[in-house]
PDB file of all heavy atoms in Angstrom:
ATOM      1  N   ASP A   1      19.521  39.873  51.122  1.00  0.00           N
ATOM      2  CA  ASP A   1      18.374  39.801  52.025  1.00  0.00           C
ATOM      3  C   ASP A   1      17.057  40.098  51.304  1.00  0.00           C
ATOM      4  O   ASP A   1      15.996  39.673  51.762  1.00  0.00           O
ATOM      5  CB  ASP A   1      18.545  40.801  53.178  1.00  0.00           C
ATOM      6  CG  ASP A   1      19.715  40.448  54.074  1.00  0.00           C
ATOM      7  OD1 ASP A   1      20.003  39.242  54.214  1.00  0.00           O
ATOM      8  OD2 ASP A   1      20.351  41.375  54.614  1.00  0.00           O
ATOM      9  N   TRP A   2      17.160  40.851  50.205  1.00  0.00           N
ATOM     10  CA  TRP A   2      15.954  41.245  49.480  1.00  0.00           C
ATOM     11  C   TRP A   2      16.263  41.366  47.983  1.00  0.00           C
ATOM     12  O   TRP A   2      16.603  42.445  47.489  1.00  0.00           O
ATOM     13  CB  TRP A   2      15.403  42.564  50.006  1.00  0.00           C
ATOM     14  CG  TRP A   2      13.991  42.819  49.563  1.00  0.00           C
ATOM     15  CD1 TRP A   2      13.569  43.247  48.343  1.00  0.00           C
ATOM     16  CD2 TRP A   2      12.812  42.626  50.342  1.00  0.00           C
ATOM     17  NE1 TRP A   2      12.198  43.348  48.300  1.00  0.00           N
ATOM     18  CE2 TRP A   2      11.702  42.964  49.527  1.00  0.00           C
ATOM     19  CE3 TRP A   2      12.579  42.202  51.651  1.00  0.00           C
ATOM     20  CZ2 TRP A   2      10.393  42.902  49.978  1.00  0.00           C
ATOM     21  CZ3 TRP A   2      11.266  42.135  52.102  1.00  0.00           C
ATOM     22  CH2 TRP A   2      10.193  42.480  51.273  1.00  0.00           C
ATOM     23  N   PRO A   3      16.198  40.276  47.238  1.00  0.00           N
ATOM     24  CA  PRO A   3      16.459  40.339  45.797  1.00  0.00           C
ATOM     25  C   PRO A   3      15.442  41.220  45.075  1.00  0.00           C
ATOM     26  O   PRO A   3      14.261  41.259  45.468  1.00  0.00           O
ATOM     27  CB  PRO A   3      16.324  38.876  45.346  1.00  0.00           C
ATOM     28  CG  PRO A   3      16.472  38.065  46.588  1.00  0.00           C
ATOM     29  CD  PRO A   3      15.918  38.904  47.696  1.00  0.00           C
ATOM     30  N   VAL A   4      15.904  41.900  44.052  1.00  0.00           N
ATOM     31  CA  VAL A   4      15.022  42.673  43.172  1.00  0.00           C
ATOM     32  C   VAL A   4      15.163  42.066  41.781  1.00  0.00           C
ATOM     33  O   VAL A   4      16.257  42.069  41.196  1.00  0.00           O
ATOM     34  CB  VAL A   4      15.382  44.166  43.161  1.00  0.00           C
ATOM     35  CG1 VAL A   4      14.475  44.930  42.192  1.00  0.00           C
ATOM     36  CG2 VAL A   4      15.269  44.746  44.569  1.00  0.00           C
ATOM     37  N   VAL A   5      14.063  41.563  41.254  1.00  0.00           N
ATOM     38  CA  VAL A   5      14.094  40.731  40.055  1.00  0.00           C
ATOM     39  C   VAL A   5      13.188  41.306  38.979  1.00  0.00           C
ATOM     40  O   VAL A   5      12.104  41.820  39.269  1.00  0.00           O
ATOM     41  CB  VAL A   5      13.640  39.294  40.412  1.00  0.00           C
ATOM     42  CG1 VAL A   5      13.371  38.473  39.174  1.00  0.00           C
ATOM     43  CG2 VAL A   5      14.688  38.612  41.289  1.00  0.00           C
ATOM     44  N   TYR A   6      13.649  41.219  37.741  1.00  0.00           N
ATOM     45  CA  TYR A   6      12.834  41.590  36.576  1.00  0.00           C
ATOM     46  C   TYR A   6      12.606  40.332  35.755  1.00  0.00           C
ATOM     47  O   TYR A   6      13.552  39.659  35.342  1.00  0.00           O
ATOM     48  CB  TYR A   6      13.568  42.651  35.757  1.00  0.00           C
ATOM     49  CG  TYR A   6      12.998  42.935  34.389  1.00  0.00           C
ATOM     50  CD1 TYR A   6      11.634  43.157  34.202  1.00  0.00           C
ATOM     51  CD2 TYR A   6      13.839  43.007  33.272  1.00  0.00           C
ATOM     52  CE1 TYR A   6      11.120  43.425  32.939  1.00  0.00           C
ATOM     53  CE2 TYR A   6      13.331  43.292  32.010  1.00  0.00           C
ATOM     54  CZ  TYR A   6      11.967  43.497  31.849  1.00  0.00           C
ATOM     55  OH  TYR A   6      11.465  43.760  30.599  1.00  0.00           O
ATOM     56  N   MET A   7      11.340  39.987  35.529  1.00  0.00           N
ATOM     57  CA  MET A   7      11.009  38.810  34.736  1.00  0.00           C
ATOM     58  C   MET A   7      11.232  39.139  33.266  1.00  0.00           C
ATOM     59  O   MET A   7      10.554  39.998  32.697  1.00  0.00           O
ATOM     60  CB  MET A   7       9.561  38.376  34.979  1.00  0.00           C
ATOM     61  CG  MET A   7       9.215  38.072  36.439  1.00  0.00           C
ATOM     62  SD  MET A   7      10.387  36.980  37.270  1.00  0.00           S
ATOM     63  CE  MET A   7      10.400  35.570  36.168  1.00  0.00           C
ATOM     64  N   SER A   8      12.204  38.444  32.651  1.00  0.00           N
ATOM     65  CA  SER A   8      12.612  38.798  31.299  1.00  0.00           C
ATOM     66  C   SER A   8      13.035  37.554  30.531  1.00  0.00           C
ATOM     67  O   SER A   8      13.769  36.718  31.069  1.00  0.00           O
ATOM     68  CB  SER A   8      13.790  39.782  31.360  1.00  0.00           C
ATOM     69  OG  SER A   8      14.441  39.893  30.116  1.00  0.00           O
ATOM     70  N   PRO A   9      12.622  37.403  29.258  1.00  0.00           N
ATOM     71  CA  PRO A   9      13.033  36.241  28.472  1.00  0.00           C
ATOM     72  C   PRO A   9      14.528  36.205  28.188  1.00  0.00           C
ATOM     73  O   PRO A   9      15.057  35.172  27.786  1.00  0.00           O
ATOM     74  CB  PRO A   9      12.226  36.375  27.173  1.00  0.00           C
ATOM     75  CG  PRO A   9      11.849  37.805  27.099  1.00  0.00           C
ATOM     76  CD  PRO A   9      11.688  38.264  28.512  1.00  0.00           C
ATOM     77  N   ARG A  10      15.224  37.297  28.412  1.00  0.00           N
ATOM     78  CA  ARG A  10      16.681  37.305  28.212  1.00  0.00           C
ATOM     79  C   ARG A  10      17.426  37.066  29.520  1.00  0.00           C
ATOM     80  O   ARG A  10      18.647  37.109  29.568  1.00  0.00           O
ATOM     81  CB  ARG A  10      17.129  38.618  27.583  1.00  0.00           C
ATOM     82  CG  ARG A  10      17.099  39.790  28.535  1.00  0.00           C
ATOM     83  CD  ARG A  10      17.649  41.057  27.925  1.00  0.00           C
ATOM     84  NE  ARG A  10      17.868  42.064  28.949  1.00  0.00           N
ATOM     85  CZ  ARG A  10      18.298  43.289  28.706  1.00  0.00           C
ATOM     86  NH1 ARG A  10      18.544  43.662  27.465  1.00  0.00           N
ATOM     87  NH2 ARG A  10      18.490  44.137  29.690  1.00  0.00           N
ATOM     88  N   GLY A  11      16.682  36.834  30.598  1.00  0.00           N
ATOM     89  CA  GLY A  11      17.290  36.651  31.906  1.00  0.00           C
ATOM     90  C   GLY A  11      17.912  35.283  32.099  1.00  0.00           C
ATOM     91  O   GLY A  11      17.789  34.381  31.262  1.00  0.00           O
ATOM     92  N   LYS A  12      18.575  35.109  33.241  1.00  0.00           N
ATOM     93  CA  LYS A  12      19.166  33.831  33.607  1.00  0.00           C
ATOM     94  C   LYS A  12      18.046  32.844  33.907  1.00  0.00           C
ATOM     95  O   LYS A  12      17.071  33.198  34.581  1.00  0.00           O
ATOM     96  CB  LYS A  12      20.046  34.023  34.846  1.00  0.00           C
ATOM     97  CG  LYS A  12      20.704  32.755  35.372  1.00  0.00           C
ATOM     98  CD  LYS A  12      21.630  33.070  36.530  1.00  0.00           C
ATOM     99  CE  LYS A  12      20.873  33.512  37.755  1.00  0.00           C
ATOM    100  NZ  LYS A  12      20.092  32.425  38.391  1.00  0.00           N
ATOM    101  N   PRO A  13      18.137  31.602  33.420  1.00  0.00           N
ATOM    102  CA  PRO A  13      17.067  30.626  33.671  1.00  0.00           C
ATOM    103  C   PRO A  13      16.830  30.417  35.165  1.00  0.00           C
ATOM    104  O   PRO A  13      17.781  30.232  35.935  1.00  0.00           O
ATOM    105  CB  PRO A  13      17.597  29.349  33.005  1.00  0.00           C
ATOM    106  CG  PRO A  13      18.536  29.825  31.956  1.00  0.00           C
ATOM    107  CD  PRO A  13      19.178  31.055  32.521  1.00  0.00           C
ATOM    108  N   PHE A  14      15.585  30.460  35.553  1.00  0.00           N
ATOM    109  CA  PHE A  14      15.190  30.259  36.942  1.00  0.00           C
ATOM    110  C   PHE A  14      15.342  28.788  37.309  1.00  0.00           C
ATOM    111  O   PHE A  14      14.891  27.908  36.578  1.00  0.00           O
ATOM    112  CB  PHE A  14      13.733  30.702  37.116  1.00  0.00           C
ATOM    113  CG  PHE A  14      13.183  30.510  38.499  1.00  0.00           C
ATOM    114  CD1 PHE A  14      13.726  31.190  39.573  1.00  0.00           C
ATOM    115  CD2 PHE A  14      12.123  29.647  38.723  1.00  0.00           C
ATOM    116  CE1 PHE A  14      13.214  31.027  40.855  1.00  0.00           C
ATOM    117  CE2 PHE A  14      11.604  29.469  39.984  1.00  0.00           C
ATOM    118  CZ  PHE A  14      12.147  30.166  41.057  1.00  0.00           C
ATOM    119  N   THR A  15      15.987  28.511  38.436  1.00  0.00           N
ATOM    120  CA  THR A  15      16.231  27.142  38.868  1.00  0.00           C
ATOM    121  C   THR A  15      15.757  26.929  40.300  1.00  0.00           C
ATOM    122  O   THR A  15      15.422  27.887  41.014  1.00  0.00           O
ATOM    123  CB  THR A  15      17.731  26.815  38.800  1.00  0.00           C
ATOM    124  OG1 THR A  15      18.429  27.620  39.789  1.00  0.00           O
ATOM    125  CG2 THR A  15      18.309  27.089  37.416  1.00  0.00           C
ATOM    126  N   GLN A  16      15.783  25.662  40.718  1.00  0.00           N
ATOM    127  CA  GLN A  16      15.425  25.343  42.096  1.00  0.00           C
ATOM    128  C   GLN A  16      16.394  26.002  43.074  1.00  0.00           C
ATOM    129  O   GLN A  16      15.998  26.421  44.165  1.00  0.00           O
ATOM    130  CB  GLN A  16      15.409  23.828  42.296  1.00  0.00           C
ATOM    131  CG  GLN A  16      14.851  23.377  43.627  1.00  0.00           C
ATOM    132  CD  GLN A  16      13.352  23.594  43.733  1.00  0.00           C
ATOM    133  OE1 GLN A  16      12.667  23.865  42.741  1.00  0.00           O
ATOM    134  NE2 GLN A  16      12.822  23.479  44.942  1.00  0.00           N
ATOM    135  N   ALA A  17      17.658  26.136  42.668  1.00  0.00           N
ATOM    136  CA  ALA A  17      18.636  26.816  43.513  1.00  0.00           C
ATOM    137  C   ALA A  17      18.254  28.280  43.718  1.00  0.00           C
ATOM    138  O   ALA A  17      18.423  28.835  44.811  1.00  0.00           O
ATOM    139  CB  ALA A  17      20.032  26.715  42.895  1.00  0.00           C
ATOM    140  N   ASP A  18      17.716  28.918  42.680  1.00  0.00           N
ATOM    141  CA  ASP A  18      17.243  30.300  42.821  1.00  0.00           C
ATOM    142  C   ASP A  18      16.062  30.367  43.785  1.00  0.00           C
ATOM    143  O   ASP A  18      15.980  31.276  44.612  1.00  0.00           O
ATOM    144  CB  ASP A  18      16.824  30.860  41.461  1.00  0.00           C
ATOM    145  CG  ASP A  18      17.989  31.071  40.523  1.00  0.00           C
ATOM    146  OD1 ASP A  18      19.051  31.533  40.985  1.00  0.00           O
ATOM    147  OD2 ASP A  18      17.854  30.757  39.332  1.00  0.00           O
ATOM    148  N   ALA A  19      15.150  29.403  43.667  1.00  0.00           N
ATOM    149  CA  ALA A  19      13.997  29.376  44.578  1.00  0.00           C
ATOM    150  C   ALA A  19      14.463  29.259  46.025  1.00  0.00           C
ATOM    151  O   ALA A  19      13.941  29.942  46.922  1.00  0.00           O
ATOM    152  CB  ALA A  19      13.070  28.218  44.215  1.00  0.00           C
ATOM    153  N   ARG A  20      15.460  28.405  46.273  1.00  0.00           N
ATOM    154  CA  ARG A  20      15.987  28.267  47.634  1.00  0.00           C
ATOM    155  C   ARG A  20      16.643  29.564  48.100  1.00  0.00           C
ATOM    156  O   ARG A  20      16.498  29.973  49.260  1.00  0.00           O
ATOM    157  CB  ARG A  20      16.990  27.113  47.696  1.00  0.00           C
ATOM    158  CG  ARG A  20      16.359  25.734  47.631  1.00  0.00           C
ATOM    159  CD  ARG A  20      17.349  24.648  48.017  1.00  0.00           C
ATOM    160  NE  ARG A  20      18.404  24.505  47.021  1.00  0.00           N
ATOM    161  CZ  ARG A  20      18.367  23.643  46.022  1.00  0.00           C
ATOM    162  NH1 ARG A  20      17.313  22.856  45.855  1.00  0.00           N
ATOM    163  NH2 ARG A  20      19.373  23.568  45.164  1.00  0.00           N
ATOM    164  N   ARG A  21      17.360  30.215  47.184  1.00  0.00           N
ATOM    165  CA  ARG A  21      18.017  31.487  47.534  1.00  0.00           C
ATOM    166  C   ARG A  21      16.994  32.556  47.872  1.00  0.00           C
ATOM    167  O   ARG A  21      17.135  33.291  48.861  1.00  0.00           O
ATOM    168  CB  ARG A  21      18.898  31.925  46.360  1.00  0.00           C
ATOM    169  CG  ARG A  21      19.557  33.282  46.517  1.00  0.00           C
ATOM    170  CD  ARG A  21      20.668  33.463  45.487  1.00  0.00           C
ATOM    171  NE  ARG A  21      20.177  33.341  44.122  1.00  0.00           N
ATOM    172  CZ  ARG A  21      19.753  34.368  43.383  1.00  0.00           C
ATOM    173  NH1 ARG A  21      19.743  35.594  43.900  1.00  0.00           N
ATOM    174  NH2 ARG A  21      19.360  34.192  42.134  1.00  0.00           N
ATOM    175  N   PHE A  22      15.951  32.657  47.055  1.00  0.00           N
ATOM    176  CA  PHE A  22      14.907  33.649  47.317  1.00  0.00           C
ATOM    177  C   PHE A  22      14.161  33.327  48.621  1.00  0.00           C
ATOM    178  O   PHE A  22      13.798  34.232  49.377  1.00  0.00           O
ATOM    179  CB  PHE A  22      13.918  33.698  46.160  1.00  0.00           C
ATOM    180  CG  PHE A  22      14.509  34.164  44.852  1.00  0.00           C
ATOM    181  CD1 PHE A  22      13.938  33.790  43.633  1.00  0.00           C
ATOM    182  CD2 PHE A  22      15.630  34.970  44.826  1.00  0.00           C
ATOM    183  CE1 PHE A  22      14.476  34.213  42.426  1.00  0.00           C
ATOM    184  CE2 PHE A  22      16.189  35.406  43.620  1.00  0.00           C
ATOM    185  CZ  PHE A  22      15.601  35.018  42.419  1.00  0.00           C
ATOM    186  N   ALA A  23      13.914  32.044  48.869  1.00  0.00           N
ATOM    187  CA  ALA A  23      13.179  31.638  50.078  1.00  0.00           C
ATOM    188  C   ALA A  23      13.981  31.939  51.338  1.00  0.00           C
ATOM    189  O   ALA A  23      13.408  32.161  52.412  1.00  0.00           O
ATOM    190  CB  ALA A  23      12.834  30.151  50.011  1.00  0.00           C
ATOM    191  N   ALA A  24      15.322  31.955  51.222  1.00  0.00           N
ATOM    192  CA  ALA A  24      16.174  32.230  52.375  1.00  0.00           C
ATOM    193  C   ALA A  24      16.246  33.721  52.692  1.00  0.00           C
ATOM    194  O   ALA A  24      16.712  34.113  53.766  1.00  0.00           O
ATOM    195  CB  ALA A  24      17.581  31.682  52.127  1.00  0.00           C
ATOM    196  N   ALA A  25      15.796  34.563  51.761  1.00  0.00           N
ATOM    197  CA  ALA A  25      15.796  36.010  51.976  1.00  0.00           C
ATOM    198  C   ALA A  25      14.587  36.404  52.828  1.00  0.00           C
ATOM    199  O   ALA A  25      13.750  35.571  53.189  1.00  0.00           O
ATOM    200  CB  ALA A  25      15.769  36.738  50.637  1.00  0.00           C
ATOM    201  N   GLN A  26      14.486  37.689  53.141  1.00  0.00           N
ATOM    202  CA  GLN A  26      13.345  38.176  53.917  1.00  0.00           C
ATOM    203  C   GLN A  26      12.132  38.431  53.032  1.00  0.00           C
ATOM    204  O   GLN A  26      11.006  38.549  53.513  1.00  0.00           O
ATOM    205  CB  GLN A  26      13.734  39.461  54.650  1.00  0.00           C
ATOM    206  CG  GLN A  26      14.827  39.282  55.680  1.00  0.00           C
ATOM    207  CD  GLN A  26      15.208  40.577  56.352  1.00  0.00           C
ATOM    208  OE1 GLN A  26      14.360  41.448  56.602  1.00  0.00           O
ATOM    209  NE2 GLN A  26      16.487  40.746  56.654  1.00  0.00           N
ATOM    210  N   GLY A  27      12.381  38.510  51.753  1.00  0.00           N
ATOM    211  CA  GLY A  27      11.324  38.776  50.784  1.00  0.00           C
ATOM    212  C   GLY A  27      11.981  39.159  49.478  1.00  0.00           C
ATOM    213  O   GLY A  27      13.207  39.071  49.330  1.00  0.00           O
ATOM    214  N   MET A  28      11.177  39.603  48.507  1.00  0.00           N
ATOM    215  CA  MET A  28      11.747  40.013  47.227  1.00  0.00           C
ATOM    216  C   MET A  28      10.793  40.949  46.503  1.00  0.00           C
ATOM    217  O   MET A  28       9.583  40.962  46.768  1.00  0.00           O
ATOM    218  CB  MET A  28      12.055  38.792  46.355  1.00  0.00           C
ATOM    219  CG  MET A  28      10.846  38.019  45.889  1.00  0.00           C
ATOM    220  SD  MET A  28      11.281  36.476  45.002  1.00  0.00           S
ATOM    221  CE  MET A  28      12.257  37.094  43.632  1.00  0.00           C
ATOM    222  N   THR A  29      11.357  41.731  45.595  1.00  0.00           N
ATOM    223  CA  THR A  29      10.569  42.585  44.710  1.00  0.00           C
ATOM    224  C   THR A  29      10.682  42.027  43.302  1.00  0.00           C
ATOM    225  O   THR A  29      11.776  41.703  42.849  1.00  0.00           O
ATOM    226  CB  THR A  29      11.085  44.035  44.738  1.00  0.00           C
ATOM    227  OG1 THR A  29      10.889  44.577  46.048  1.00  0.00           O
ATOM    228  CG2 THR A  29      10.343  44.898  43.722  1.00  0.00           C
TER     229      THR A  29
END
């Protein structure tokens, strides 16, 4: 419901599927 994300060059590549997942949540940190 509320992803907590750290922007990191070693992280998992951000995709359109992630954007849809985040948009379906109530918000994010």
